[in-house]
Amino acid sequence: MGTNKVILLLLALSGALLAWMFFGLDPEFQRLSGAGSFLDARLSGYETDAVLGLRAALADPARADARDLLQQMYLGPDLVLPLVLTLSLCLLFRGYAPGAVLYGRRLEVRQARLLCLLPIAYGLVDYAENASFLFYFPPATPGPTLSALIPELLPWMTRVKLLFLAVSVIVVLRLALFKPPVTRG
């Protein structure tokens, strides 16, 4: 299977996972939790108060189905999505970056590999965010240090994750759409 087919397959899988998360799991979670959608599905962002409010809502014994759905989301599609997006973006960088011109300089293969640090950073931050969700929300019982730290960190982790993802996508689009002209010697 060629690289282009692998990239298309990974991008299709990413789209399917996002659709499942946003249109399948999230509306059900809103209904079951009574506290709104998954925090990292709130594209307008969220603050510490939302984290604390969701924890309080999920602590209610009547919300066991919402707790189970939260774990299903972070141990299901949101466990696979960062890996799939990271791989597809790295493959896109590998395909478009060598020979491309960025900031007036032609990129070499080793510089293309350095560009892969952007999606890798996205993937690592997304996994750290997902682990924080699992460590913080019921049925987990974090200690006092994590209970104080995680609500403050989660909004920033989501912002940094989306920043790395957005910059990666913008740079890939820049490299793909604005190729230098081919010169014949």
N, C-alpha and C. Protein backbone atom coordinates (compact mmCIF):
# COMPACT_ATOMS: atom_id res chain seq x y z
N MET A 1 0.85 -1.17 0.00
CA MET A 1 0.00 0.00 0.00
C MET A 1 0.90 1.24 0.00
N GLY A 2 0.64 2.17 -0.88
CA GLY A 2 1.46 3.37 -0.99
C GLY A 2 1.24 4.33 0.16
N THR A 3 2.18 5.25 0.30
CA THR A 3 2.10 6.23 1.39
C THR A 3 0.86 7.08 1.28
N ASN A 4 0.49 7.48 0.06
CA ASN A 4 -0.70 8.32 -0.11
C ASN A 4 -1.96 7.60 0.36
N LYS A 5 -2.05 6.31 0.07
CA LYS A 5 -3.21 5.54 0.52
C LYS A 5 -3.24 5.41 2.04
N VAL A 6 -2.06 5.24 2.63
CA VAL A 6 -1.99 5.15 4.09
C VAL A 6 -2.43 6.47 4.71
N ILE A 7 -1.96 7.59 4.14
CA ILE A 7 -2.34 8.90 4.66
C ILE A 7 -3.86 9.10 4.54
N LEU A 8 -4.41 8.76 3.38
CA LEU A 8 -5.86 8.89 3.20
C LEU A 8 -6.63 8.00 4.17
N LEU A 9 -6.14 6.79 4.39
CA LEU A 9 -6.79 5.88 5.33
C LEU A 9 -6.72 6.45 6.75
N LEU A 10 -5.56 6.98 7.14
CA LEU A 10 -5.42 7.56 8.48
C LEU A 10 -6.31 8.79 8.64
N LEU A 11 -6.38 9.63 7.61
CA LEU A 11 -7.24 10.82 7.69
C LEU A 11 -8.71 10.42 7.74
N ALA A 12 -9.10 9.39 6.99
CA ALA A 12 -10.48 8.91 7.05
C ALA A 12 -10.79 8.34 8.43
N LEU A 13 -9.86 7.60 8.99
CA LEU A 13 -10.05 7.07 10.35
C LEU A 13 -10.16 8.20 11.36
N SER A 14 -9.35 9.24 11.20
CA SER A 14 -9.44 10.41 12.09
C SER A 14 -10.81 11.05 12.00
N GLY A 15 -11.30 11.23 10.78
CA GLY A 15 -12.64 11.81 10.59
C GLY A 15 -13.72 10.95 11.21
N ALA A 16 -13.60 9.63 11.05
CA ALA A 16 -14.59 8.73 11.63
C ALA A 16 -14.56 8.79 13.16
N LEU A 17 -13.36 8.82 13.73
CA LEU A 17 -13.25 8.91 15.20
C LEU A 17 -13.81 10.23 15.72
N LEU A 18 -13.49 11.33 15.03
CA LEU A 18 -14.03 12.63 15.44
C LEU A 18 -15.56 12.65 15.34
N ALA A 19 -16.09 12.09 14.26
CA ALA A 19 -17.55 12.04 14.10
C ALA A 19 -18.19 11.20 15.20
N TRP A 20 -17.58 10.08 15.54
CA TRP A 20 -18.10 9.23 16.61
C TRP A 20 -18.08 9.99 17.93
N MET A 21 -16.98 10.70 18.19
CA MET A 21 -16.86 11.43 19.46
C MET A 21 -17.85 12.59 19.53
N PHE A 22 -17.92 13.40 18.47
CA PHE A 22 -18.74 14.62 18.51
C PHE A 22 -20.22 14.35 18.29
N PHE A 23 -20.56 13.41 17.41
CA PHE A 23 -21.96 13.20 17.06
C PHE A 23 -22.57 11.95 17.68
N GLY A 24 -21.72 11.07 18.19
CA GLY A 24 -22.23 9.86 18.81
C GLY A 24 -22.15 9.91 20.33
N LEU A 25 -20.93 10.04 20.84
CA LEU A 25 -20.73 9.98 22.29
C LEU A 25 -21.08 11.28 23.01
N ASP A 26 -20.73 12.42 22.42
CA ASP A 26 -20.91 13.69 23.12
C ASP A 26 -22.38 14.04 23.41
N PRO A 27 -23.30 13.91 22.45
CA PRO A 27 -24.71 14.20 22.79
C PRO A 27 -25.25 13.29 23.90
N GLU A 28 -24.83 12.02 23.85
CA GLU A 28 -25.27 11.10 24.90
C GLU A 28 -24.69 11.49 26.26
N PHE A 29 -23.43 11.91 26.26
CA PHE A 29 -22.79 12.34 27.50
C PHE A 29 -23.48 13.59 28.05
N GLN A 30 -23.84 14.51 27.19
CA GLN A 30 -24.56 15.71 27.63
C GLN A 30 -25.86 15.33 28.33
N ARG A 31 -26.56 14.39 27.73
CA ARG A 31 -27.84 13.95 28.30
C ARG A 31 -27.64 13.24 29.64
N LEU A 32 -26.65 12.37 29.71
CA LEU A 32 -26.44 11.58 30.93
C LEU A 32 -25.81 12.38 32.06
N SER A 33 -24.90 13.29 31.72
CA SER A 33 -24.15 14.00 32.78
C SER A 33 -24.92 15.18 33.35
N GLY A 34 -25.71 15.82 32.52
CA GLY A 34 -26.39 17.03 32.96
C GLY A 34 -25.43 18.21 33.15
N ALA A 35 -24.18 18.06 32.74
CA ALA A 35 -23.18 19.11 32.93
C ALA A 35 -22.57 19.57 31.62
N GLY A 36 -23.22 19.27 30.52
CA GLY A 36 -22.69 19.69 29.23
C GLY A 36 -21.86 18.62 28.57
N SER A 37 -21.13 19.02 27.56
CA SER A 37 -20.38 18.08 26.75
C SER A 37 -19.04 17.74 27.39
N PHE A 38 -18.33 16.80 26.74
CA PHE A 38 -16.97 16.50 27.15
C PHE A 38 -16.18 17.80 27.13
N LEU A 39 -15.29 17.97 28.08
CA LEU A 39 -14.58 19.25 28.17
C LEU A 39 -13.72 19.53 26.95
N ASP A 40 -13.00 18.54 26.47
CA ASP A 40 -12.14 18.82 25.32
C ASP A 40 -12.90 18.84 24.00
N ALA A 41 -14.21 18.60 24.05
CA ALA A 41 -15.06 18.75 22.87
C ALA A 41 -15.67 20.15 22.80
N ARG A 42 -15.41 20.95 23.80
CA ARG A 42 -15.91 22.33 23.81
C ARG A 42 -14.91 23.20 23.06
N LEU A 43 -15.21 23.40 21.80
CA LEU A 43 -14.25 24.11 20.93
C LEU A 43 -14.07 25.57 21.33
N SER A 44 -15.01 26.12 22.06
CA SER A 44 -14.85 27.50 22.52
C SER A 44 -13.98 27.57 23.77
N GLY A 45 -13.57 26.42 24.28
CA GLY A 45 -12.72 26.38 25.46
C GLY A 45 -13.53 26.21 26.74
N TYR A 46 -12.81 26.09 27.82
CA TYR A 46 -13.43 25.97 29.13
C TYR A 46 -12.43 26.43 30.17
N GLU A 47 -12.92 26.65 31.37
CA GLU A 47 -12.09 27.13 32.47
C GLU A 47 -12.14 26.14 33.63
N THR A 48 -11.44 26.47 34.68
CA THR A 48 -11.36 25.61 35.86
C THR A 48 -12.73 25.33 36.45
N ASP A 49 -13.62 26.31 36.44
CA ASP A 49 -14.97 26.13 36.99
C ASP A 49 -15.72 24.99 36.28
N ALA A 50 -15.52 24.88 34.98
CA ALA A 50 -16.18 23.81 34.24
C ALA A 50 -15.64 22.45 34.64
N VAL A 51 -14.35 22.36 34.91
CA VAL A 51 -13.74 21.10 35.35
C VAL A 51 -14.32 20.69 36.70
N LEU A 52 -14.37 21.65 37.61
CA LEU A 52 -14.91 21.37 38.95
C LEU A 52 -16.40 21.02 38.88
N GLY A 53 -17.13 21.72 38.02
CA GLY A 53 -18.56 21.44 37.87
C GLY A 53 -18.82 20.05 37.31
N LEU A 54 -18.02 19.65 36.33
CA LEU A 54 -18.19 18.32 35.76
C LEU A 54 -17.83 17.24 36.79
N ARG A 55 -16.80 17.48 37.57
CA ARG A 55 -16.43 16.51 38.61
C ARG A 55 -17.57 16.37 39.63
N ALA A 56 -18.15 17.49 40.03
CA ALA A 56 -19.26 17.44 40.99
C ALA A 56 -20.45 16.70 40.40
N ALA A 57 -20.75 16.93 39.12
CA ALA A 57 -21.88 16.24 38.48
C ALA A 57 -21.63 14.75 38.38
N LEU A 58 -20.40 14.37 38.05
CA LEU A 58 -20.09 12.95 37.89
C LEU A 58 -19.96 12.23 39.24
N ALA A 59 -19.79 12.99 40.31
CA ALA A 59 -19.71 12.38 41.64
C ALA A 59 -21.08 11.90 42.12
N ASP A 60 -22.13 12.39 41.50
CA ASP A 60 -23.49 11.99 41.85
C ASP A 60 -23.66 10.51 41.52
N PRO A 61 -24.08 9.68 42.52
CA PRO A 61 -24.24 8.24 42.26
C PRO A 61 -25.21 7.92 41.13
N ALA A 62 -26.15 8.81 40.84
CA ALA A 62 -27.12 8.57 39.77
C ALA A 62 -26.50 8.75 38.38
N ARG A 63 -25.28 9.24 38.32
CA ARG A 63 -24.62 9.53 37.04
C ARG A 63 -23.59 8.45 36.65
N ALA A 64 -23.80 7.23 37.07
CA ALA A 64 -22.86 6.14 36.78
C ALA A 64 -22.71 5.91 35.27
N ASP A 65 -23.81 6.04 34.53
CA ASP A 65 -23.73 5.85 33.08
C ASP A 65 -22.86 6.93 32.43
N ALA A 66 -22.94 8.15 32.93
CA ALA A 66 -22.10 9.24 32.41
C ALA A 66 -20.63 8.97 32.71
N ARG A 67 -20.35 8.47 33.91
CA ARG A 67 -18.95 8.13 34.25
C ARG A 67 -18.41 7.04 33.34
N ASP A 68 -19.26 6.02 33.09
CA ASP A 68 -18.84 4.93 32.20
C ASP A 68 -18.60 5.44 30.78
N LEU A 69 -19.46 6.33 30.31
CA LEU A 69 -19.31 6.88 28.98
C LEU A 69 -18.05 7.74 28.87
N LEU A 70 -17.73 8.48 29.93
CA LEU A 70 -16.50 9.28 29.95
C LEU A 70 -15.27 8.36 29.81
N GLN A 71 -15.27 7.28 30.57
CA GLN A 71 -14.15 6.34 30.46
C GLN A 71 -14.11 5.67 29.10
N GLN A 72 -15.28 5.33 28.55
CA GLN A 72 -15.34 4.72 27.23
C GLN A 72 -14.75 5.67 26.18
N MET A 73 -15.03 6.95 26.31
CA MET A 73 -14.52 7.91 25.33
C MET A 73 -13.00 8.02 25.40
N TYR A 74 -12.45 8.14 26.62
CA TYR A 74 -11.01 8.34 26.74
C TYR A 74 -10.20 7.06 26.60
N LEU A 75 -10.84 5.92 26.77
CA LEU A 75 -10.16 4.64 26.55
C LEU A 75 -10.53 4.01 25.21
N GLY A 76 -11.35 4.72 24.45
CA GLY A 76 -11.77 4.25 23.13
C GLY A 76 -11.26 5.16 22.04
N PRO A 77 -12.16 5.96 21.45
CA PRO A 77 -11.74 6.77 20.30
C PRO A 77 -10.67 7.80 20.64
N ASP A 78 -10.71 8.38 21.84
CA ASP A 78 -9.71 9.39 22.17
C ASP A 78 -8.37 8.77 22.58
N LEU A 79 -8.31 7.47 22.65
CA LEU A 79 -7.03 6.78 22.84
C LEU A 79 -6.34 6.57 21.49
N VAL A 80 -7.13 6.38 20.45
CA VAL A 80 -6.60 6.11 19.12
C VAL A 80 -6.38 7.39 18.32
N LEU A 81 -7.25 8.39 18.49
CA LEU A 81 -7.20 9.60 17.67
C LEU A 81 -5.86 10.34 17.71
N PRO A 82 -5.24 10.58 18.86
CA PRO A 82 -3.95 11.29 18.83
C PRO A 82 -2.88 10.55 18.02
N LEU A 83 -2.86 9.24 18.13
CA LEU A 83 -1.88 8.45 17.38
C LEU A 83 -2.13 8.56 15.88
N VAL A 84 -3.38 8.43 15.48
CA VAL A 84 -3.73 8.46 14.06
C VAL A 84 -3.44 9.84 13.47
N LEU A 85 -3.82 10.91 14.18
CA LEU A 85 -3.55 12.25 13.68
C LEU A 85 -2.06 12.54 13.63
N THR A 86 -1.33 12.12 14.65
CA THR A 86 0.11 12.34 14.67
C THR A 86 0.79 11.62 13.50
N LEU A 87 0.42 10.37 13.28
CA LEU A 87 1.01 9.61 12.17
C LEU A 87 0.69 10.25 10.83
N SER A 88 -0.57 10.65 10.63
CA SER A 88 -0.93 11.22 9.33
C SER A 88 -0.22 12.55 9.11
N LEU A 89 -0.11 13.38 10.13
CA LEU A 89 0.59 14.66 9.97
C LEU A 89 2.08 14.45 9.73
N CYS A 90 2.68 13.50 10.43
CA CYS A 90 4.11 13.21 10.19
C CYS A 90 4.33 12.70 8.77
N LEU A 91 3.46 11.84 8.29
CA LEU A 91 3.59 11.35 6.92
C LEU A 91 3.39 12.48 5.90
N LEU A 92 2.47 13.38 6.19
CA LEU A 92 2.29 14.54 5.31
C LEU A 92 3.54 15.42 5.31
N PHE A 93 4.11 15.67 6.48
CA PHE A 93 5.35 16.45 6.54
C PHE A 93 6.47 15.74 5.76
N ARG A 94 6.55 14.45 5.93
CA ARG A 94 7.59 13.68 5.25
C ARG A 94 7.43 13.75 3.73
N GLY A 95 6.18 13.82 3.28
CA GLY A 95 5.93 13.86 1.85
C GLY A 95 6.06 15.24 1.24
N TYR A 96 5.65 16.27 1.95
CA TYR A 96 5.62 17.61 1.37
C TYR A 96 6.81 18.48 1.74
N ALA A 97 7.42 18.25 2.87
CA ALA A 97 8.45 19.17 3.34
C ALA A 97 9.77 19.09 2.58
N PRO A 98 10.32 17.90 2.30
CA PRO A 98 11.62 17.90 1.61
C PRO A 98 11.52 18.61 0.25
N GLY A 99 12.39 19.58 0.05
CA GLY A 99 12.40 20.34 -1.19
C GLY A 99 11.49 21.54 -1.19
N ALA A 100 10.59 21.64 -0.23
CA ALA A 100 9.70 22.79 -0.16
C ALA A 100 10.48 24.01 0.32
N VAL A 101 9.94 25.17 0.02
CA VAL A 101 10.58 26.41 0.47
C VAL A 101 9.75 26.98 1.61
N LEU A 102 10.40 27.20 2.72
CA LEU A 102 9.75 27.78 3.89
C LEU A 102 10.63 28.89 4.40
N TYR A 103 10.07 30.09 4.47
CA TYR A 103 10.82 31.28 4.90
C TYR A 103 12.06 31.52 4.03
N GLY A 104 11.90 31.29 2.73
CA GLY A 104 12.96 31.58 1.79
C GLY A 104 14.06 30.54 1.70
N ARG A 105 13.93 29.46 2.42
CA ARG A 105 14.97 28.41 2.40
C ARG A 105 14.35 27.09 1.99
N ARG A 106 15.09 26.36 1.17
CA ARG A 106 14.65 25.04 0.75
C ARG A 106 14.88 24.05 1.90
N LEU A 107 13.86 23.29 2.22
CA LEU A 107 13.95 22.35 3.34
C LEU A 107 14.59 21.05 2.90
N GLU A 108 15.44 20.53 3.75
CA GLU A 108 16.06 19.23 3.52
C GLU A 108 15.28 18.17 4.30
N VAL A 109 15.64 16.92 4.09
CA VAL A 109 14.94 15.80 4.73
C VAL A 109 15.06 15.90 6.25
N ARG A 110 16.23 16.25 6.75
CA ARG A 110 16.39 16.33 8.22
C ARG A 110 15.54 17.45 8.81
N GLN A 111 15.33 18.53 8.07
CA GLN A 111 14.47 19.61 8.56
C GLN A 111 13.01 19.18 8.53
N ALA A 112 12.66 18.37 7.57
CA ALA A 112 11.30 17.83 7.53
C ALA A 112 11.04 16.96 8.75
N ARG A 113 12.06 16.21 9.14
CA ARG A 113 11.91 15.38 10.35
C ARG A 113 11.71 16.26 11.57
N LEU A 114 12.38 17.40 11.62
CA LEU A 114 12.19 18.32 12.75
C LEU A 114 10.77 18.88 12.77
N LEU A 115 10.19 19.11 11.60
CA LEU A 115 8.80 19.58 11.56
C LEU A 115 7.85 18.56 12.18
N CYS A 116 8.23 17.29 12.14
CA CYS A 116 7.39 16.24 12.74
C CYS A 116 7.28 16.40 14.25
N LEU A 117 8.14 17.21 14.84
CA LEU A 117 8.03 17.44 16.29
C LEU A 117 6.73 18.15 16.65
N LEU A 118 6.18 18.95 15.73
CA LEU A 118 4.91 19.63 16.00
C LEU A 118 3.77 18.64 16.24
N PRO A 119 3.48 17.71 15.30
CA PRO A 119 2.41 16.76 15.57
C PRO A 119 2.74 15.79 16.70
N ILE A 120 4.02 15.47 16.88
CA ILE A 120 4.39 14.59 17.99
C ILE A 120 4.09 15.29 19.32
N ALA A 121 4.39 16.58 19.39
CA ALA A 121 4.06 17.35 20.61
C ALA A 121 2.56 17.38 20.83
N TYR A 122 1.78 17.54 19.73
CA TYR A 122 0.32 17.48 19.85
C TYR A 122 -0.10 16.15 20.47
N GLY A 123 0.41 15.05 19.93
CA GLY A 123 0.02 13.72 20.41
C GLY A 123 0.37 13.51 21.87
N LEU A 124 1.56 13.94 22.27
CA LEU A 124 1.98 13.77 23.67
C LEU A 124 1.10 14.60 24.61
N VAL A 125 0.81 15.83 24.23
CA VAL A 125 -0.04 16.68 25.09
C VAL A 125 -1.45 16.11 25.15
N ASP A 126 -1.96 15.60 24.02
CA ASP A 126 -3.31 15.02 24.02
C ASP A 126 -3.37 13.80 24.93
N TYR A 127 -2.34 12.94 24.89
CA TYR A 127 -2.33 11.78 25.79
C TYR A 127 -2.20 12.20 27.25
N ALA A 128 -1.42 13.23 27.53
CA ALA A 128 -1.32 13.73 28.91
C ALA A 128 -2.66 14.28 29.37
N GLU A 129 -3.34 14.98 28.48
CA GLU A 129 -4.67 15.51 28.82
C GLU A 129 -5.65 14.37 29.09
N ASN A 130 -5.65 13.36 28.23
CA ASN A 130 -6.56 12.22 28.42
C ASN A 130 -6.27 11.50 29.73
N ALA A 131 -5.00 11.31 30.05
CA ALA A 131 -4.64 10.67 31.32
C ALA A 131 -5.11 11.52 32.49
N SER A 132 -5.00 12.83 32.37
CA SER A 132 -5.46 13.71 33.44
C SER A 132 -6.96 13.59 33.64
N PHE A 133 -7.71 13.49 32.55
CA PHE A 133 -9.15 13.30 32.68
C PHE A 133 -9.45 12.00 33.43
N LEU A 134 -8.75 10.94 33.06
CA LEU A 134 -8.99 9.64 33.71
C LEU A 134 -8.56 9.63 35.17
N PHE A 135 -7.48 10.36 35.49
CA PHE A 135 -7.00 10.42 36.88
C PHE A 135 -7.89 11.29 37.77
N TYR A 136 -8.60 12.23 37.17
CA TYR A 136 -9.32 13.23 37.97
C TYR A 136 -10.80 12.90 38.17
N PHE A 137 -11.47 12.49 37.11
CA PHE A 137 -12.92 12.33 37.20
C PHE A 137 -13.31 10.98 37.78
N PRO A 138 -14.45 10.95 38.52
CA PRO A 138 -14.91 9.69 39.10
C PRO A 138 -15.04 8.63 38.02
N PRO A 139 -14.73 7.41 38.35
CA PRO A 139 -14.55 6.79 39.65
C PRO A 139 -13.15 6.96 40.24
N ALA A 140 -12.25 7.67 39.56
CA ALA A 140 -10.92 7.89 40.11
C ALA A 140 -11.02 8.74 41.38
N THR A 141 -10.10 8.50 42.28
CA THR A 141 -10.05 9.30 43.51
C THR A 141 -8.63 9.85 43.66
N PRO A 142 -8.39 11.00 43.03
CA PRO A 142 -7.03 11.56 43.09
C PRO A 142 -6.72 12.08 44.49
N GLY A 143 -5.44 12.11 44.79
CA GLY A 143 -5.01 12.66 46.07
C GLY A 143 -5.18 14.17 46.10
N PRO A 144 -4.86 14.79 47.23
CA PRO A 144 -5.09 16.23 47.36
C PRO A 144 -4.24 17.07 46.39
N THR A 145 -3.04 16.62 46.08
CA THR A 145 -2.19 17.38 45.15
C THR A 145 -2.78 17.37 43.75
N LEU A 146 -3.15 16.18 43.26
CA LEU A 146 -3.75 16.09 41.93
C LEU A 146 -5.11 16.77 41.89
N SER A 147 -5.86 16.68 42.97
CA SER A 147 -7.17 17.33 43.01
C SER A 147 -7.06 18.84 42.87
N ALA A 148 -5.97 19.40 43.36
CA ALA A 148 -5.77 20.85 43.24
C ALA A 148 -5.12 21.22 41.92
N LEU A 149 -4.26 20.37 41.41
CA LEU A 149 -3.48 20.70 40.22
C LEU A 149 -4.22 20.47 38.91
N ILE A 150 -4.89 19.35 38.78
CA ILE A 150 -5.50 18.98 37.49
C ILE A 150 -6.55 19.98 37.02
N PRO A 151 -7.45 20.47 37.87
CA PRO A 151 -8.43 21.44 37.35
C PRO A 151 -7.80 22.72 36.79
N GLU A 152 -6.65 23.09 37.32
CA GLU A 152 -5.96 24.27 36.81
C GLU A 152 -5.23 23.97 35.50
N LEU A 153 -4.71 22.75 35.36
CA LEU A 153 -3.92 22.39 34.18
C LEU A 153 -4.76 22.00 32.97
N LEU A 154 -5.90 21.35 33.19
CA LEU A 154 -6.67 20.82 32.06
C LEU A 154 -7.03 21.87 31.01
N PRO A 155 -7.54 23.05 31.38
CA PRO A 155 -7.85 24.03 30.32
C PRO A 155 -6.62 24.41 29.51
N TRP A 156 -5.47 24.51 30.16
CA TRP A 156 -4.25 24.88 29.45
C TRP A 156 -3.74 23.73 28.58
N MET A 157 -3.89 22.52 29.05
CA MET A 157 -3.47 21.37 28.24
C MET A 157 -4.30 21.30 26.95
N THR A 158 -5.59 21.56 27.06
CA THR A 158 -6.45 21.55 25.88
C THR A 158 -6.03 22.65 24.91
N ARG A 159 -5.75 23.83 25.43
CA ARG A 159 -5.32 24.94 24.56
C ARG A 159 -4.00 24.64 23.86
N VAL A 160 -3.04 24.10 24.61
CA VAL A 160 -1.73 23.79 24.03
C VAL A 160 -1.87 22.68 22.99
N LYS A 161 -2.69 21.68 23.29
CA LYS A 161 -2.93 20.59 22.34
C LYS A 161 -3.48 21.14 21.03
N LEU A 162 -4.51 21.98 21.13
CA LEU A 162 -5.12 22.54 19.92
C LEU A 162 -4.17 23.48 19.19
N LEU A 163 -3.31 24.16 19.93
CA LEU A 163 -2.31 25.03 19.31
C LEU A 163 -1.34 24.20 18.46
N PHE A 164 -0.79 23.14 19.03
CA PHE A 164 0.12 22.28 18.27
C PHE A 164 -0.57 21.67 17.05
N LEU A 165 -1.82 21.26 17.22
CA LEU A 165 -2.56 20.68 16.10
C LEU A 165 -2.81 21.72 15.01
N ALA A 166 -3.24 22.92 15.40
CA ALA A 166 -3.52 23.98 14.42
C ALA A 166 -2.26 24.40 13.67
N VAL A 167 -1.16 24.57 14.37
CA VAL A 167 0.09 24.95 13.71
C VAL A 167 0.54 23.85 12.77
N SER A 168 0.41 22.60 13.19
CA SER A 168 0.79 21.48 12.32
C SER A 168 -0.03 21.49 11.03
N VAL A 169 -1.33 21.65 11.16
CA VAL A 169 -2.21 21.65 9.99
C VAL A 169 -1.89 22.85 9.08
N ILE A 170 -1.67 24.01 9.66
CA ILE A 170 -1.36 25.20 8.86
C ILE A 170 -0.05 25.01 8.10
N VAL A 171 0.97 24.48 8.77
CA VAL A 171 2.25 24.28 8.08
C VAL A 171 2.13 23.22 6.99
N VAL A 172 1.39 22.14 7.24
CA VAL A 172 1.19 21.12 6.20
C VAL A 172 0.47 21.74 5.00
N LEU A 173 -0.58 22.52 5.27
CA LEU A 173 -1.30 23.16 4.17
C LEU A 173 -0.39 24.12 3.41
N ARG A 174 0.42 24.86 4.13
CA ARG A 174 1.37 25.79 3.51
C ARG A 174 2.34 25.05 2.60
N LEU A 175 2.86 23.94 3.08
CA LEU A 175 3.82 23.16 2.29
C LEU A 175 3.15 22.49 1.09
N ALA A 176 1.91 22.05 1.28
CA ALA A 176 1.22 21.34 0.20
C ALA A 176 0.70 22.28 -0.88
N LEU A 177 0.21 23.44 -0.48
CA LEU A 177 -0.43 24.33 -1.44
C LEU A 177 0.54 25.29 -2.13
N PHE A 178 1.62 25.62 -1.50
CA PHE A 178 2.55 26.61 -2.05
C PHE A 178 3.91 25.97 -2.32
N LYS A 179 3.91 25.07 -3.28
CA LYS A 179 5.15 24.39 -3.66
C LYS A 179 5.97 25.32 -4.55
N PRO A 180 7.30 25.21 -4.46
CA PRO A 180 8.11 26.04 -5.36
C PRO A 180 8.02 25.51 -6.79
N PRO A 181 8.19 26.40 -7.77
CA PRO A 181 8.14 25.93 -9.16
C PRO A 181 9.30 25.00 -9.46
N VAL A 182 9.04 24.04 -10.30
CA VAL A 182 10.08 23.10 -10.70
C VAL A 182 10.94 23.76 -11.76
N THR A 183 12.25 23.79 -11.54
CA THR A 183 13.15 24.38 -12.52
C THR A 183 13.87 23.27 -13.29
N ARG A 184 14.00 23.47 -14.53
CA ARG A 184 14.67 22.47 -15.38
C ARG A 184 16.02 23.05 -15.80
N GLY A 185 17.02 22.25 -15.63
CA GLY A 185 18.37 22.72 -15.92
C GLY A 185 18.74 22.46 -17.29
